[in-house]
Amino acid sequence: MYSDFISIHDISQYEFQEILDVARKAKEAPKRFRSALKDKTLAMIFQKPSLRTRMTFEVGMLQLGGHAVYLSPGRPDRRPGVLL
């Protein structure tokens, strides 16, 4: 079962260690993880615009087989009642 990961306080110490273990494995053998996020899309909305952060997430998603979409905070389609 998946849950939202908003804060480091949302996970146990064991879960945190698991995340680090998977990250280590991905770093050691990136080809094994090329399709880890296949058919997944990340929608990015940043409170403060950051090109470096945006590009890091976009490249990471592409390297893992997923897609990233940037939604600007000032876009008119982000109004109450509009579901993404």
N, C-alpha and C. Protein backbone atom coordinates (compact mmCIF):
# COMPACT_ATOMS: atom_id res chain seq x y z
N MET A 1 0.84 -1.19 0.00
CA MET A 1 0.00 0.00 0.00
C MET A 1 0.88 1.25 0.00
N TYR A 2 0.53 2.21 -0.80
CA TYR A 2 1.30 3.44 -0.90
C TYR A 2 0.68 4.51 -0.01
N SER A 3 1.54 5.38 0.49
CA SER A 3 1.06 6.51 1.27
C SER A 3 1.81 7.75 0.83
N ASP A 4 1.29 8.90 1.17
CA ASP A 4 1.94 10.16 0.80
C ASP A 4 3.17 10.37 1.66
N PHE A 5 4.20 10.90 1.03
CA PHE A 5 5.44 11.22 1.73
C PHE A 5 5.63 12.72 1.64
N ILE A 6 5.12 13.40 2.62
CA ILE A 6 5.16 14.86 2.65
C ILE A 6 6.31 15.35 3.52
N SER A 7 6.55 14.66 4.60
CA SER A 7 7.56 15.06 5.57
C SER A 7 8.34 13.83 6.02
N ILE A 8 9.57 14.03 6.41
CA ILE A 8 10.40 12.94 6.93
C ILE A 8 9.73 12.30 8.15
N HIS A 9 8.87 13.04 8.82
CA HIS A 9 8.17 12.55 10.00
C HIS A 9 7.03 11.59 9.65
N ASP A 10 6.71 11.48 8.34
CA ASP A 10 5.64 10.59 7.90
C ASP A 10 6.08 9.13 7.78
N ILE A 11 7.37 8.86 7.92
CA ILE A 11 7.87 7.50 7.75
C ILE A 11 8.67 7.06 8.97
N SER A 12 8.77 5.74 9.10
CA SER A 12 9.52 5.19 10.23
C SER A 12 11.01 5.19 9.90
N GLN A 13 11.82 4.93 10.89
CA GLN A 13 13.27 4.85 10.69
C GLN A 13 13.60 3.70 9.73
N TYR A 14 12.86 2.60 9.84
CA TYR A 14 13.05 1.45 8.95
C TYR A 14 12.75 1.83 7.50
N GLU A 15 11.62 2.54 7.28
CA GLU A 15 11.25 2.96 5.92
C GLU A 15 12.29 3.92 5.35
N PHE A 16 12.82 4.79 6.19
CA PHE A 16 13.86 5.72 5.75
C PHE A 16 15.10 4.95 5.29
N GLN A 17 15.48 3.94 6.04
CA GLN A 17 16.64 3.12 5.67
C GLN A 17 16.40 2.39 4.36
N GLU A 18 15.17 1.91 4.16
CA GLU A 18 14.82 1.25 2.90
C GLU A 18 14.98 2.20 1.72
N ILE A 19 14.55 3.44 1.88
CA ILE A 19 14.69 4.45 0.82
C ILE A 19 16.16 4.64 0.47
N LEU A 20 16.99 4.75 1.49
CA LEU A 20 18.42 4.92 1.25
C LEU A 20 19.03 3.70 0.56
N ASP A 21 18.58 2.51 0.93
CA ASP A 21 19.08 1.28 0.30
C ASP A 21 18.73 1.24 -1.19
N VAL A 22 17.48 1.59 -1.53
CA VAL A 22 17.07 1.61 -2.94
C VAL A 22 17.84 2.68 -3.70
N ALA A 23 18.05 3.83 -3.09
CA ALA A 23 18.82 4.90 -3.73
C ALA A 23 20.25 4.45 -4.02
N ARG A 24 20.84 3.74 -3.08
CA ARG A 24 22.20 3.23 -3.27
C ARG A 24 22.25 2.25 -4.43
N LYS A 25 21.27 1.35 -4.49
CA LYS A 25 21.20 0.36 -5.57
C LYS A 25 21.01 1.04 -6.92
N ALA A 26 20.17 2.07 -6.96
CA ALA A 26 19.93 2.80 -8.21
C ALA A 26 21.19 3.53 -8.67
N LYS A 27 21.93 4.04 -7.73
CA LYS A 27 23.18 4.75 -8.05
C LYS A 27 24.23 3.78 -8.58
N GLU A 28 24.28 2.57 -8.01
CA GLU A 28 25.27 1.57 -8.40
C GLU A 28 24.94 0.92 -9.74
N ALA A 29 23.65 0.74 -10.04
CA ALA A 29 23.23 0.06 -11.28
C ALA A 29 22.04 0.79 -11.90
N PRO A 30 22.26 1.98 -12.47
CA PRO A 30 21.14 2.78 -12.98
C PRO A 30 20.34 2.11 -14.09
N LYS A 31 20.96 1.26 -14.88
CA LYS A 31 20.23 0.60 -15.97
C LYS A 31 19.11 -0.28 -15.46
N ARG A 32 19.27 -0.85 -14.28
CA ARG A 32 18.23 -1.70 -13.69
C ARG A 32 16.96 -0.91 -13.34
N PHE A 33 17.09 0.40 -13.23
CA PHE A 33 15.97 1.22 -12.78
C PHE A 33 15.38 2.09 -13.90
N ARG A 34 15.80 1.86 -15.15
CA ARG A 34 15.36 2.70 -16.27
C ARG A 34 13.85 2.72 -16.47
N SER A 35 13.16 1.70 -16.05
CA SER A 35 11.71 1.69 -16.23
C SER A 35 10.97 1.65 -14.89
N ALA A 36 11.64 2.04 -13.83
CA ALA A 36 11.03 2.01 -12.49
C ALA A 36 9.78 2.89 -12.39
N LEU A 37 9.75 3.97 -13.15
CA LEU A 37 8.60 4.88 -13.10
C LEU A 37 7.86 4.93 -14.43
N LYS A 38 7.91 3.82 -15.18
CA LYS A 38 7.21 3.74 -16.46
C LYS A 38 5.73 3.99 -16.24
N ASP A 39 5.15 4.78 -17.14
CA ASP A 39 3.72 5.13 -17.08
C ASP A 39 3.35 5.96 -15.86
N LYS A 40 4.33 6.60 -15.23
CA LYS A 40 4.07 7.48 -14.09
C LYS A 40 4.38 8.92 -14.51
N THR A 41 3.61 9.85 -13.98
CA THR A 41 3.81 11.27 -14.26
C THR A 41 3.91 12.04 -12.95
N LEU A 42 4.88 12.92 -12.88
CA LEU A 42 5.06 13.79 -11.72
C LEU A 42 4.58 15.19 -12.09
N ALA A 43 3.61 15.71 -11.36
CA ALA A 43 3.16 17.09 -11.55
C ALA A 43 3.91 17.96 -10.54
N MET A 44 4.62 18.96 -11.04
CA MET A 44 5.45 19.80 -10.17
C MET A 44 4.85 21.19 -10.04
N ILE A 45 4.63 21.62 -8.81
CA ILE A 45 4.21 22.98 -8.50
C ILE A 45 5.14 23.47 -7.39
N PHE A 46 5.92 24.48 -7.67
CA PHE A 46 6.86 25.00 -6.69
C PHE A 46 6.37 26.32 -6.13
N GLN A 47 6.48 26.47 -4.83
CA GLN A 47 6.09 27.72 -4.19
C GLN A 47 6.98 28.86 -4.68
N LYS A 48 8.28 28.57 -4.77
CA LYS A 48 9.24 29.54 -5.29
C LYS A 48 9.88 28.92 -6.54
N PRO A 49 9.77 29.59 -7.68
CA PRO A 49 10.33 29.02 -8.92
C PRO A 49 11.83 28.74 -8.78
N SER A 50 12.24 27.56 -9.23
CA SER A 50 13.63 27.17 -9.17
C SER A 50 13.95 26.32 -10.39
N LEU A 51 14.68 26.89 -11.34
CA LEU A 51 15.02 26.16 -12.55
C LEU A 51 15.87 24.94 -12.23
N ARG A 52 16.81 25.09 -11.33
CA ARG A 52 17.70 23.98 -10.99
C ARG A 52 16.92 22.80 -10.39
N THR A 53 16.00 23.09 -9.47
CA THR A 53 15.19 22.03 -8.86
C THR A 53 14.28 21.40 -9.89
N ARG A 54 13.66 22.23 -10.71
CA ARG A 54 12.76 21.72 -11.75
C ARG A 54 13.51 20.80 -12.70
N MET A 55 14.67 21.21 -13.17
CA MET A 55 15.44 20.39 -14.11
C MET A 55 15.91 19.09 -13.46
N THR A 56 16.27 19.14 -12.20
CA THR A 56 16.71 17.94 -11.48
C THR A 56 15.58 16.91 -11.44
N PHE A 57 14.37 17.36 -11.11
CA PHE A 57 13.24 16.44 -11.07
C PHE A 57 12.89 15.92 -12.46
N GLU A 58 12.93 16.79 -13.48
CA GLU A 58 12.61 16.37 -14.83
C GLU A 58 13.61 15.32 -15.34
N VAL A 59 14.88 15.57 -15.13
CA VAL A 59 15.91 14.62 -15.56
C VAL A 59 15.77 13.30 -14.80
N GLY A 60 15.55 13.38 -13.50
CA GLY A 60 15.38 12.17 -12.70
C GLY A 60 14.20 11.33 -13.17
N MET A 61 13.08 11.98 -13.45
CA MET A 61 11.92 11.25 -13.94
C MET A 61 12.22 10.59 -15.28
N LEU A 62 12.86 11.31 -16.18
CA LEU A 62 13.22 10.74 -17.48
C LEU A 62 14.16 9.56 -17.34
N GLN A 63 15.14 9.67 -16.47
CA GLN A 63 16.10 8.58 -16.27
C GLN A 63 15.44 7.33 -15.70
N LEU A 64 14.34 7.51 -14.99
CA LEU A 64 13.63 6.38 -14.40
C LEU A 64 12.43 5.94 -15.24
N GLY A 65 12.29 6.52 -16.44
CA GLY A 65 11.25 6.10 -17.36
C GLY A 65 9.92 6.81 -17.24
N GLY A 66 9.84 7.83 -16.40
CA GLY A 66 8.59 8.56 -16.21
C GLY A 66 8.58 9.89 -16.94
N HIS A 67 7.58 10.68 -16.64
CA HIS A 67 7.41 11.99 -17.25
C HIS A 67 7.20 13.02 -16.14
N ALA A 68 7.57 14.25 -16.41
CA ALA A 68 7.37 15.34 -15.45
C ALA A 68 6.65 16.49 -16.14
N VAL A 69 5.71 17.08 -15.43
CA VAL A 69 4.94 18.20 -15.94
C VAL A 69 5.07 19.34 -14.93
N TYR A 70 5.46 20.51 -15.43
CA TYR A 70 5.60 21.68 -14.55
C TYR A 70 4.35 22.54 -14.67
N LEU A 71 3.75 22.85 -13.54
CA LEU A 71 2.60 23.73 -13.49
C LEU A 71 3.02 25.01 -12.77
N SER A 72 2.96 26.10 -13.48
CA SER A 72 3.36 27.39 -12.91
C SER A 72 2.36 27.83 -11.85
N PRO A 73 2.85 28.38 -10.74
CA PRO A 73 1.94 28.82 -9.67
C PRO A 73 0.93 29.88 -10.12
N GLY A 74 1.26 30.65 -11.15
CA GLY A 74 0.38 31.73 -11.60
C GLY A 74 -0.56 31.34 -12.72
N ARG A 75 -0.64 30.07 -13.07
CA ARG A 75 -1.49 29.65 -14.19
C ARG A 75 -2.96 29.84 -13.87
N PRO A 76 -3.74 30.30 -14.84
CA PRO A 76 -5.16 30.54 -14.60
C PRO A 76 -5.97 29.27 -14.36
N ASP A 77 -5.49 28.10 -14.78
CA ASP A 77 -6.25 26.88 -14.58
C ASP A 77 -6.12 26.33 -13.16
N ARG A 78 -5.39 27.02 -12.31
CA ARG A 78 -5.25 26.61 -10.92
C ARG A 78 -6.17 27.45 -10.05
N ARG A 79 -7.42 27.23 -10.15
CA ARG A 79 -8.39 27.97 -9.36
C ARG A 79 -9.23 26.99 -8.54
N PRO A 80 -9.85 27.45 -7.50
CA PRO A 80 -10.62 26.54 -6.64
C PRO A 80 -11.65 25.75 -7.45
N GLY A 81 -11.75 24.48 -7.15
CA GLY A 81 -12.73 23.64 -7.81
C GLY A 81 -12.23 22.94 -9.06
N VAL A 82 -11.04 23.29 -9.54
CA VAL A 82 -10.49 22.66 -10.73
C VAL A 82 -9.58 21.55 -10.29
N LEU A 83 -9.91 20.32 -10.69
CA LEU A 83 -9.11 19.17 -10.32
C LEU A 83 -8.05 18.91 -11.37
N LEU A 84 -6.86 18.52 -10.91
CA LEU A 84 -5.78 18.20 -11.84
C LEU A 84 -5.83 16.73 -12.18
